[in-house]
C-alpha cells in the first residue's frame, strides 16, 4: 500500500483539494479504509453442552451463567475513492447490510437459543466475529471486507480480518 503525505497550509484546507486531485491523477490507485460501527444488546452463556455444569463453571467461570452484554460491532471495508461520489462505500448502505444480516437477528435475543445461524456455537466474541464475517462477506463487493470486530465489553474484543 502506498503511503502519501499531503501538506495542508495552517490557514485552512484550501490547499488540500488540489493536492488530492493531483495525487489521484498521478497514481493508479489508493486504497482507503472506512468503517461503520453498530451496537446491539444480547444475552448469552458460555457453555459446552457436552460438559457437566461443574466443568463448564471451571472452564468459563461466571460466564457459564446466563448474562448479557451491550455489544459493539465494527466493520471495515476498503476500496478506491469513487470520483463521482467521493465515497469508498456508502456507509448508509453498509449500515443497512449490517442491520439486515446481523443486528435484526441478534438484538435483544439470547444468542444460545434465539438465533438459528448461531446454533451449535459457543457464543464467544471470537465465534461471533467469525460468523459475522461470513454473513457480511457474501453481501459486499468481492475483496472489500477487511475486518469485523466485536466488542463484548469496553475492554474485550475479537477481530476477524484479511491480512493486509
N, C-alpha and C. Protein backbone atom coordinates (compact mmCIF):
# COMPACT_ATOMS: atom_id res chain seq x y z
N UNK A 1 0.84 -1.17 0.00
CA UNK A 1 0.00 0.00 0.00
C UNK A 1 0.88 1.23 0.00
N UNK A 2 0.57 2.19 -0.82
CA UNK A 2 1.34 3.41 -0.98
C UNK A 2 0.95 4.39 0.12
N UNK A 3 1.94 4.97 0.78
CA UNK A 3 1.67 5.97 1.81
C UNK A 3 1.94 7.33 1.19
N UNK A 4 0.97 8.21 1.30
CA UNK A 4 1.07 9.53 0.70
C UNK A 4 1.06 10.58 1.79
N UNK A 5 1.81 11.63 1.58
CA UNK A 5 1.83 12.74 2.52
C UNK A 5 1.28 13.96 1.82
N UNK A 6 0.33 14.62 2.44
CA UNK A 6 -0.26 15.82 1.87
C UNK A 6 -0.06 16.94 2.88
N UNK A 7 0.60 18.00 2.46
CA UNK A 7 0.80 19.16 3.34
C UNK A 7 -0.39 20.09 3.20
N UNK A 8 -0.88 20.57 4.33
CA UNK A 8 -2.01 21.49 4.34
C UNK A 8 -1.57 22.76 5.02
N UNK A 9 -1.85 23.88 4.40
CA UNK A 9 -1.48 25.18 4.97
C UNK A 9 -2.21 25.40 6.28
N UNK A 10 -1.56 26.06 7.21
CA UNK A 10 -2.17 26.28 8.52
C UNK A 10 -3.35 27.24 8.45
N UNK A 11 -3.47 28.00 7.39
CA UNK A 11 -4.58 28.94 7.29
C UNK A 11 -5.90 28.26 6.94
N UNK A 12 -5.85 26.98 6.60
CA UNK A 12 -7.09 26.28 6.29
C UNK A 12 -6.80 25.10 5.39
N UNK A 13 -7.85 24.57 4.80
CA UNK A 13 -7.74 23.37 3.98
C UNK A 13 -7.78 23.69 2.49
N UNK A 14 -7.55 24.93 2.12
CA UNK A 14 -7.67 25.32 0.71
C UNK A 14 -6.67 24.59 -0.18
N UNK A 15 -5.52 24.20 0.35
CA UNK A 15 -4.52 23.51 -0.47
C UNK A 15 -4.77 22.01 -0.55
N UNK A 16 -5.64 21.48 0.28
CA UNK A 16 -5.84 20.03 0.34
C UNK A 16 -6.50 19.50 -0.92
N UNK A 17 -7.53 20.15 -1.40
CA UNK A 17 -8.26 19.66 -2.57
C UNK A 17 -7.37 19.54 -3.80
N UNK A 18 -6.58 20.57 -4.17
CA UNK A 18 -5.68 20.40 -5.31
C UNK A 18 -4.65 19.29 -5.08
N UNK A 19 -4.17 19.13 -3.86
CA UNK A 19 -3.19 18.08 -3.58
C UNK A 19 -3.81 16.71 -3.78
N UNK A 20 -5.05 16.53 -3.34
CA UNK A 20 -5.74 15.25 -3.51
C UNK A 20 -6.01 15.00 -4.99
N UNK A 21 -6.47 16.02 -5.71
CA UNK A 21 -6.74 15.87 -7.14
C UNK A 21 -5.46 15.52 -7.89
N UNK A 22 -4.35 16.19 -7.55
CA UNK A 22 -3.08 15.91 -8.21
C UNK A 22 -2.63 14.48 -7.91
N UNK A 23 -2.77 14.07 -6.65
CA UNK A 23 -2.38 12.72 -6.26
C UNK A 23 -3.20 11.69 -7.02
N UNK A 24 -4.53 11.90 -7.10
CA UNK A 24 -5.41 10.95 -7.78
C UNK A 24 -5.09 10.87 -9.26
N UNK A 25 -4.74 12.00 -9.87
CA UNK A 25 -4.43 11.99 -11.29
C UNK A 25 -3.11 11.28 -11.55
N UNK A 26 -2.20 11.33 -10.60
CA UNK A 26 -0.87 10.78 -10.82
C UNK A 26 -0.67 9.37 -10.34
N UNK A 27 -1.62 8.79 -9.64
CA UNK A 27 -1.43 7.43 -9.12
C UNK A 27 -2.49 6.50 -9.70
N UNK A 28 -2.13 5.24 -9.77
CA UNK A 28 -3.07 4.28 -10.35
C UNK A 28 -4.22 3.99 -9.39
N UNK A 29 -3.93 3.86 -8.11
CA UNK A 29 -5.00 3.64 -7.15
C UNK A 29 -4.47 3.80 -5.73
N UNK A 30 -5.34 4.22 -4.87
CA UNK A 30 -5.04 4.32 -3.45
C UNK A 30 -6.16 3.63 -2.71
N UNK A 31 -5.83 2.70 -1.86
CA UNK A 31 -6.85 2.01 -1.07
C UNK A 31 -7.14 2.82 0.18
N UNK A 32 -8.42 3.03 0.43
CA UNK A 32 -8.87 3.77 1.60
C UNK A 32 -9.76 2.85 2.42
N UNK A 33 -9.59 2.86 3.73
CA UNK A 33 -10.42 2.08 4.64
C UNK A 33 -11.49 2.97 5.24
N UNK A 34 -12.72 2.47 5.31
CA UNK A 34 -13.80 3.17 6.00
C UNK A 34 -14.49 2.16 6.92
N UNK A 35 -15.09 2.68 7.99
CA UNK A 35 -15.66 1.80 8.99
C UNK A 35 -17.04 2.27 9.41
N UNK A 36 -17.85 1.30 9.79
CA UNK A 36 -19.18 1.58 10.36
C UNK A 36 -19.27 0.84 11.67
N UNK A 37 -19.81 1.51 12.67
CA UNK A 37 -19.98 0.91 14.00
C UNK A 37 -21.46 0.83 14.30
N UNK A 38 -21.91 -0.35 14.73
CA UNK A 38 -23.29 -0.57 15.14
C UNK A 38 -23.26 -1.21 16.53
N UNK A 39 -24.38 -1.20 17.21
CA UNK A 39 -24.43 -1.83 18.53
C UNK A 39 -25.68 -2.68 18.66
N UNK A 40 -25.60 -3.63 19.58
CA UNK A 40 -26.75 -4.47 19.89
C UNK A 40 -26.61 -4.98 21.31
N UNK A 41 -27.72 -5.37 21.89
CA UNK A 41 -27.75 -5.93 23.24
C UNK A 41 -28.21 -7.37 23.13
N UNK A 42 -27.52 -8.25 23.82
CA UNK A 42 -27.91 -9.66 23.74
C UNK A 42 -27.46 -10.40 25.00
N UNK A 43 -28.16 -11.50 25.26
CA UNK A 43 -27.81 -12.39 26.36
C UNK A 43 -27.10 -13.61 25.79
N UNK A 44 -26.28 -14.23 26.60
CA UNK A 44 -25.65 -15.49 26.22
C UNK A 44 -25.07 -16.15 27.46
N UNK A 45 -24.70 -17.39 27.29
CA UNK A 45 -23.91 -18.07 28.31
C UNK A 45 -22.89 -18.92 27.58
N UNK A 46 -21.70 -18.93 28.16
CA UNK A 46 -20.63 -19.72 27.59
C UNK A 46 -20.66 -21.09 28.25
N UNK A 47 -21.04 -22.08 27.45
CA UNK A 47 -21.10 -23.43 27.98
C UNK A 47 -21.03 -24.42 26.83
N UNK A 48 -20.38 -25.52 27.11
CA UNK A 48 -20.29 -26.63 26.17
C UNK A 48 -21.29 -27.67 26.64
N UNK A 49 -22.30 -27.98 25.83
CA UNK A 49 -23.33 -28.92 26.29
C UNK A 49 -22.81 -30.33 26.55
N UNK A 50 -21.64 -30.66 26.04
CA UNK A 50 -21.08 -32.00 26.29
C UNK A 50 -20.38 -32.09 27.65
N UNK A 51 -20.23 -30.96 28.34
CA UNK A 51 -19.56 -30.94 29.64
C UNK A 51 -20.58 -30.86 30.77
N UNK A 52 -20.16 -31.26 31.96
CA UNK A 52 -21.02 -31.13 33.13
C UNK A 52 -21.10 -29.66 33.54
N UNK A 53 -22.05 -29.36 34.40
CA UNK A 53 -22.18 -28.00 34.91
C UNK A 53 -20.90 -27.57 35.62
N UNK A 54 -20.32 -28.48 36.41
CA UNK A 54 -19.08 -28.16 37.13
C UNK A 54 -17.93 -27.90 36.16
N UNK A 55 -17.84 -28.69 35.10
CA UNK A 55 -16.77 -28.48 34.11
C UNK A 55 -16.96 -27.15 33.38
N UNK A 56 -18.20 -26.82 33.04
CA UNK A 56 -18.46 -25.54 32.40
C UNK A 56 -18.11 -24.38 33.33
N UNK A 57 -18.44 -24.49 34.60
CA UNK A 57 -18.11 -23.43 35.56
C UNK A 57 -16.60 -23.28 35.69
N UNK A 58 -15.88 -24.41 35.70
CA UNK A 58 -14.42 -24.36 35.80
C UNK A 58 -13.81 -23.71 34.56
N UNK A 59 -14.34 -24.05 33.39
CA UNK A 59 -13.79 -23.57 32.13
C UNK A 59 -14.16 -22.11 31.85
N UNK A 60 -15.43 -21.76 32.06
CA UNK A 60 -15.92 -20.43 31.68
C UNK A 60 -16.19 -19.49 32.84
N UNK A 61 -16.04 -19.97 34.08
CA UNK A 61 -16.26 -19.11 35.24
C UNK A 61 -17.67 -18.56 35.27
N UNK A 62 -17.79 -17.29 35.69
CA UNK A 62 -19.12 -16.69 35.82
C UNK A 62 -19.82 -16.54 34.48
N UNK A 63 -19.08 -16.62 33.38
CA UNK A 63 -19.70 -16.52 32.05
C UNK A 63 -20.47 -17.78 31.66
N UNK A 64 -20.36 -18.83 32.47
CA UNK A 64 -21.16 -20.04 32.22
C UNK A 64 -22.63 -19.81 32.55
N UNK A 65 -22.91 -18.80 33.36
CA UNK A 65 -24.29 -18.45 33.67
C UNK A 65 -24.84 -17.48 32.65
N UNK A 66 -26.16 -17.45 32.53
CA UNK A 66 -26.80 -16.54 31.58
C UNK A 66 -26.55 -15.09 32.01
N UNK A 67 -26.08 -14.29 31.09
CA UNK A 67 -25.80 -12.88 31.34
C UNK A 67 -25.88 -12.14 30.01
N UNK A 68 -25.76 -10.83 30.04
CA UNK A 68 -25.88 -10.06 28.81
C UNK A 68 -24.78 -9.04 28.64
N UNK A 69 -24.69 -8.53 27.40
CA UNK A 69 -23.70 -7.51 27.06
C UNK A 69 -24.33 -6.47 26.15
N UNK A 70 -23.76 -5.29 26.18
CA UNK A 70 -24.03 -4.25 25.20
C UNK A 70 -22.88 -4.32 24.20
N UNK A 71 -23.08 -5.04 23.13
CA UNK A 71 -22.04 -5.29 22.14
C UNK A 71 -21.88 -4.11 21.19
N UNK A 72 -20.67 -3.95 20.69
CA UNK A 72 -20.39 -3.03 19.60
C UNK A 72 -19.77 -3.84 18.47
N UNK A 73 -20.25 -3.60 17.26
CA UNK A 73 -19.76 -4.29 16.07
C UNK A 73 -19.16 -3.25 15.14
N UNK A 74 -17.88 -3.43 14.79
CA UNK A 74 -17.20 -2.54 13.86
C UNK A 74 -16.88 -3.30 12.59
N UNK A 75 -17.25 -2.74 11.46
CA UNK A 75 -17.00 -3.37 10.16
C UNK A 75 -16.16 -2.41 9.32
N UNK A 76 -15.04 -2.90 8.81
CA UNK A 76 -14.15 -2.09 7.97
C UNK A 76 -14.17 -2.64 6.55
N UNK A 77 -14.41 -1.75 5.59
CA UNK A 77 -14.33 -2.10 4.17
C UNK A 77 -13.28 -1.21 3.52
N UNK A 78 -12.78 -1.66 2.37
CA UNK A 78 -11.72 -0.93 1.69
C UNK A 78 -11.99 -0.85 0.20
N UNK A 79 -11.44 0.16 -0.40
CA UNK A 79 -11.55 0.30 -1.84
C UNK A 79 -10.96 1.62 -2.29
N UNK A 80 -11.18 1.92 -3.54
CA UNK A 80 -10.74 3.19 -4.09
C UNK A 80 -11.86 4.21 -3.94
N UNK A 81 -11.50 5.47 -3.86
CA UNK A 81 -12.50 6.53 -3.77
C UNK A 81 -13.16 6.69 -5.14
N UNK A 82 -14.48 6.63 -5.14
CA UNK A 82 -15.25 6.86 -6.36
C UNK A 82 -15.22 8.36 -6.63
N UNK A 83 -14.70 8.76 -7.76
CA UNK A 83 -14.54 10.19 -8.06
C UNK A 83 -15.88 10.92 -8.18
N UNK A 84 -16.95 10.22 -8.54
CA UNK A 84 -18.24 10.89 -8.69
C UNK A 84 -18.93 11.14 -7.35
N UNK A 85 -18.68 10.28 -6.35
CA UNK A 85 -19.35 10.44 -5.05
C UNK A 85 -18.40 10.87 -3.94
N UNK A 86 -17.10 10.57 -4.10
CA UNK A 86 -16.15 10.82 -3.02
C UNK A 86 -16.14 9.72 -1.98
N UNK A 87 -16.98 8.69 -2.19
CA UNK A 87 -17.09 7.57 -1.25
C UNK A 87 -16.20 6.41 -1.68
N UNK A 88 -15.75 5.66 -0.70
CA UNK A 88 -15.23 4.32 -0.94
C UNK A 88 -16.41 3.37 -0.96
N UNK A 89 -17.31 3.57 -0.01
CA UNK A 89 -18.52 2.75 0.13
C UNK A 89 -19.54 3.62 0.84
N UNK A 90 -20.75 3.60 0.41
CA UNK A 90 -21.82 4.36 1.05
C UNK A 90 -22.06 3.75 2.44
N UNK A 91 -21.73 4.51 3.49
CA UNK A 91 -21.82 3.97 4.84
C UNK A 91 -23.26 3.72 5.28
N UNK A 92 -24.22 4.39 4.70
CA UNK A 92 -25.64 4.08 4.98
C UNK A 92 -25.97 2.71 4.41
N UNK A 93 -25.47 2.42 3.20
CA UNK A 93 -25.69 1.10 2.61
C UNK A 93 -25.00 0.03 3.44
N UNK A 94 -23.79 0.31 3.95
CA UNK A 94 -23.09 -0.65 4.82
C UNK A 94 -23.89 -0.88 6.10
N UNK A 95 -24.42 0.18 6.67
CA UNK A 95 -25.25 0.06 7.87
C UNK A 95 -26.46 -0.82 7.61
N UNK A 96 -27.08 -0.65 6.44
CA UNK A 96 -28.23 -1.47 6.08
C UNK A 96 -27.87 -2.95 5.97
N UNK A 97 -26.72 -3.26 5.37
CA UNK A 97 -26.27 -4.65 5.25
C UNK A 97 -26.02 -5.23 6.64
N UNK A 98 -25.33 -4.49 7.49
CA UNK A 98 -25.05 -4.95 8.86
C UNK A 98 -26.36 -5.21 9.60
N UNK A 99 -27.30 -4.28 9.47
CA UNK A 99 -28.59 -4.44 10.16
C UNK A 99 -29.36 -5.66 9.67
N UNK A 100 -29.46 -5.82 8.35
CA UNK A 100 -30.24 -6.93 7.80
C UNK A 100 -29.59 -8.29 8.03
N UNK A 101 -28.26 -8.36 7.95
CA UNK A 101 -27.58 -9.66 8.04
C UNK A 101 -27.26 -10.06 9.48
N UNK A 102 -27.22 -9.07 10.41
CA UNK A 102 -26.79 -9.40 11.78
C UNK A 102 -27.71 -8.81 12.84
N UNK A 103 -27.76 -7.49 12.91
CA UNK A 103 -28.40 -6.81 14.06
C UNK A 103 -29.85 -7.23 14.25
N UNK A 104 -30.63 -7.30 13.18
CA UNK A 104 -32.05 -7.67 13.32
C UNK A 104 -32.23 -9.04 13.95
N UNK A 105 -31.27 -9.93 13.76
CA UNK A 105 -31.37 -11.30 14.30
C UNK A 105 -30.85 -11.43 15.74
N UNK A 106 -29.90 -10.57 16.14
CA UNK A 106 -29.26 -10.76 17.43
C UNK A 106 -29.67 -9.75 18.50
N UNK A 107 -30.20 -8.60 18.11
CA UNK A 107 -30.50 -7.56 19.09
C UNK A 107 -31.64 -8.00 20.01
N UNK A 108 -31.38 -7.88 21.31
CA UNK A 108 -32.33 -8.26 22.36
C UNK A 108 -32.75 -9.72 22.26
N UNK A 109 -31.78 -10.58 21.96
CA UNK A 109 -32.03 -12.02 21.87
C UNK A 109 -31.06 -12.77 22.78
N UNK A 110 -31.40 -14.02 23.02
CA UNK A 110 -30.48 -14.95 23.67
C UNK A 110 -29.70 -15.63 22.54
N UNK A 111 -28.41 -15.39 22.48
CA UNK A 111 -27.59 -15.91 21.38
C UNK A 111 -27.49 -17.43 21.38
N UNK A 112 -27.71 -18.05 22.53
CA UNK A 112 -27.66 -19.51 22.62
C UNK A 112 -28.91 -20.18 22.06
N UNK A 113 -30.05 -19.50 22.14
CA UNK A 113 -31.31 -20.18 21.81
C UNK A 113 -32.15 -19.50 20.72
N UNK A 114 -31.94 -18.22 20.47
CA UNK A 114 -32.85 -17.47 19.60
C UNK A 114 -32.34 -17.19 18.19
N UNK A 115 -31.12 -17.56 17.88
CA UNK A 115 -30.52 -17.21 16.59
C UNK A 115 -30.13 -18.50 15.87
N UNK A 116 -30.95 -18.95 14.91
CA UNK A 116 -30.70 -20.25 14.25
C UNK A 116 -29.30 -20.38 13.65
N UNK A 117 -28.76 -19.30 13.08
CA UNK A 117 -27.45 -19.42 12.45
C UNK A 117 -26.29 -19.42 13.44
N UNK A 118 -26.57 -19.32 14.73
CA UNK A 118 -25.55 -19.50 15.77
C UNK A 118 -25.68 -20.85 16.47
N UNK A 119 -26.66 -21.64 16.07
CA UNK A 119 -26.91 -22.93 16.71
C UNK A 119 -25.66 -23.80 16.68
N UNK A 120 -25.34 -24.37 17.84
CA UNK A 120 -24.19 -25.27 17.95
C UNK A 120 -22.88 -24.57 18.25
N UNK A 121 -22.86 -23.24 18.27
CA UNK A 121 -21.64 -22.49 18.58
C UNK A 121 -21.68 -21.98 20.01
N UNK A 122 -20.56 -21.97 20.66
CA UNK A 122 -20.45 -21.29 21.94
C UNK A 122 -20.29 -19.81 21.58
N UNK A 123 -21.21 -18.93 21.99
CA UNK A 123 -21.21 -17.55 21.51
C UNK A 123 -20.16 -16.64 22.16
N UNK A 124 -18.90 -17.02 21.98
CA UNK A 124 -17.80 -16.16 22.42
C UNK A 124 -17.67 -14.99 21.44
N UNK A 125 -16.97 -13.97 21.83
CA UNK A 125 -16.72 -12.85 20.91
C UNK A 125 -15.98 -13.35 19.67
N UNK A 126 -15.08 -14.31 19.84
CA UNK A 126 -14.32 -14.86 18.70
C UNK A 126 -15.25 -15.55 17.71
N UNK A 127 -16.14 -16.39 18.21
CA UNK A 127 -17.08 -17.08 17.32
C UNK A 127 -18.05 -16.11 16.66
N UNK A 128 -18.50 -15.11 17.41
CA UNK A 128 -19.40 -14.12 16.82
C UNK A 128 -18.70 -13.37 15.69
N UNK A 129 -17.47 -12.94 15.91
CA UNK A 129 -16.74 -12.22 14.87
C UNK A 129 -16.59 -13.07 13.62
N UNK A 130 -16.27 -14.35 13.78
CA UNK A 130 -16.09 -15.24 12.63
C UNK A 130 -17.39 -15.45 11.86
N UNK A 131 -18.49 -15.65 12.56
CA UNK A 131 -19.78 -15.86 11.90
C UNK A 131 -20.26 -14.56 11.26
N UNK A 132 -20.09 -13.45 11.94
CA UNK A 132 -20.50 -12.16 11.36
C UNK A 132 -19.72 -11.89 10.08
N UNK A 133 -18.43 -12.19 10.08
CA UNK A 133 -17.59 -12.03 8.88
C UNK A 133 -18.22 -12.77 7.69
N UNK A 134 -18.57 -14.02 7.91
CA UNK A 134 -19.14 -14.83 6.83
C UNK A 134 -20.48 -14.28 6.35
N UNK A 135 -21.29 -13.82 7.27
CA UNK A 135 -22.61 -13.29 6.89
C UNK A 135 -22.49 -11.98 6.11
N UNK A 136 -21.48 -11.18 6.42
CA UNK A 136 -21.30 -9.91 5.73
C UNK A 136 -20.56 -10.07 4.40
N UNK A 137 -19.59 -10.95 4.38
CA UNK A 137 -18.74 -11.11 3.19
C UNK A 137 -19.56 -11.41 1.94
N UNK A 138 -20.60 -12.21 2.08
CA UNK A 138 -21.42 -12.59 0.93
C UNK A 138 -22.27 -11.44 0.39
N UNK A 139 -22.42 -10.38 1.17
CA UNK A 139 -23.28 -9.26 0.77
C UNK A 139 -22.51 -8.03 0.29
N UNK A 140 -21.19 -8.09 0.35
CA UNK A 140 -20.36 -6.93 0.00
C UNK A 140 -19.56 -7.23 -1.27
N UNK A 141 -19.11 -6.18 -1.96
CA UNK A 141 -18.29 -6.42 -3.15
C UNK A 141 -17.07 -7.29 -2.82
N UNK A 142 -16.76 -8.20 -3.71
CA UNK A 142 -15.66 -9.15 -3.51
C UNK A 142 -14.38 -8.40 -3.13
N UNK A 143 -13.76 -8.84 -2.04
CA UNK A 143 -12.49 -8.28 -1.60
C UNK A 143 -12.58 -6.99 -0.82
N UNK A 144 -13.79 -6.43 -0.62
CA UNK A 144 -13.89 -5.14 0.06
C UNK A 144 -13.89 -5.27 1.58
N UNK A 145 -14.37 -6.37 2.13
CA UNK A 145 -14.44 -6.53 3.58
C UNK A 145 -13.03 -6.76 4.13
N UNK A 146 -12.62 -5.92 5.06
CA UNK A 146 -11.28 -6.03 5.64
C UNK A 146 -11.28 -6.57 7.06
N UNK A 147 -12.24 -6.15 7.88
CA UNK A 147 -12.26 -6.67 9.24
C UNK A 147 -13.64 -6.53 9.86
N UNK A 148 -13.88 -7.43 10.81
CA UNK A 148 -15.09 -7.41 11.63
C UNK A 148 -14.60 -7.54 13.07
N UNK A 149 -14.92 -6.55 13.87
CA UNK A 149 -14.51 -6.55 15.28
C UNK A 149 -15.74 -6.51 16.15
N UNK A 150 -15.81 -7.41 17.12
CA UNK A 150 -16.92 -7.48 18.06
C UNK A 150 -16.39 -7.12 19.44
N UNK A 151 -16.91 -6.02 19.98
CA UNK A 151 -16.59 -5.60 21.35
C UNK A 151 -17.66 -6.19 22.26
N UNK A 152 -17.23 -7.06 23.16
CA UNK A 152 -18.15 -7.65 24.13
C UNK A 152 -18.31 -6.73 25.34
N UNK A 153 -17.22 -6.10 25.71
CA UNK A 153 -17.21 -5.08 26.77
C UNK A 153 -16.30 -3.96 26.29
N UNK A 154 -16.16 -2.93 27.09
CA UNK A 154 -15.25 -1.86 26.67
C UNK A 154 -13.78 -2.28 26.77
N UNK A 155 -13.52 -3.45 27.35
CA UNK A 155 -12.15 -3.94 27.48
C UNK A 155 -11.85 -5.16 26.61
N UNK A 156 -12.87 -5.88 26.16
CA UNK A 156 -12.66 -7.15 25.45
C UNK A 156 -13.25 -7.11 24.05
N UNK A 157 -12.44 -7.52 23.06
CA UNK A 157 -12.93 -7.61 21.70
C UNK A 157 -12.23 -8.74 20.98
N UNK A 158 -12.87 -9.17 19.88
CA UNK A 158 -12.27 -10.17 18.98
C UNK A 158 -12.45 -9.65 17.56
N UNK A 159 -11.47 -9.93 16.71
CA UNK A 159 -11.49 -9.41 15.35
C UNK A 159 -11.13 -10.49 14.36
N UNK A 160 -11.84 -10.51 13.23
CA UNK A 160 -11.53 -11.38 12.10
C UNK A 160 -11.26 -10.44 10.94
N UNK A 161 -10.20 -10.74 10.18
CA UNK A 161 -9.91 -9.87 9.04
C UNK A 161 -8.93 -10.47 8.07
N UNK A 162 -8.92 -9.89 6.89
CA UNK A 162 -7.95 -10.25 5.87
C UNK A 162 -6.60 -9.69 6.28
N UNK A 163 -5.56 -10.44 5.99
CA UNK A 163 -4.21 -9.90 6.24
C UNK A 163 -3.89 -8.92 5.13
N UNK A 164 -3.40 -7.77 5.54
CA UNK A 164 -3.09 -6.73 4.56
C UNK A 164 -1.65 -6.86 4.11
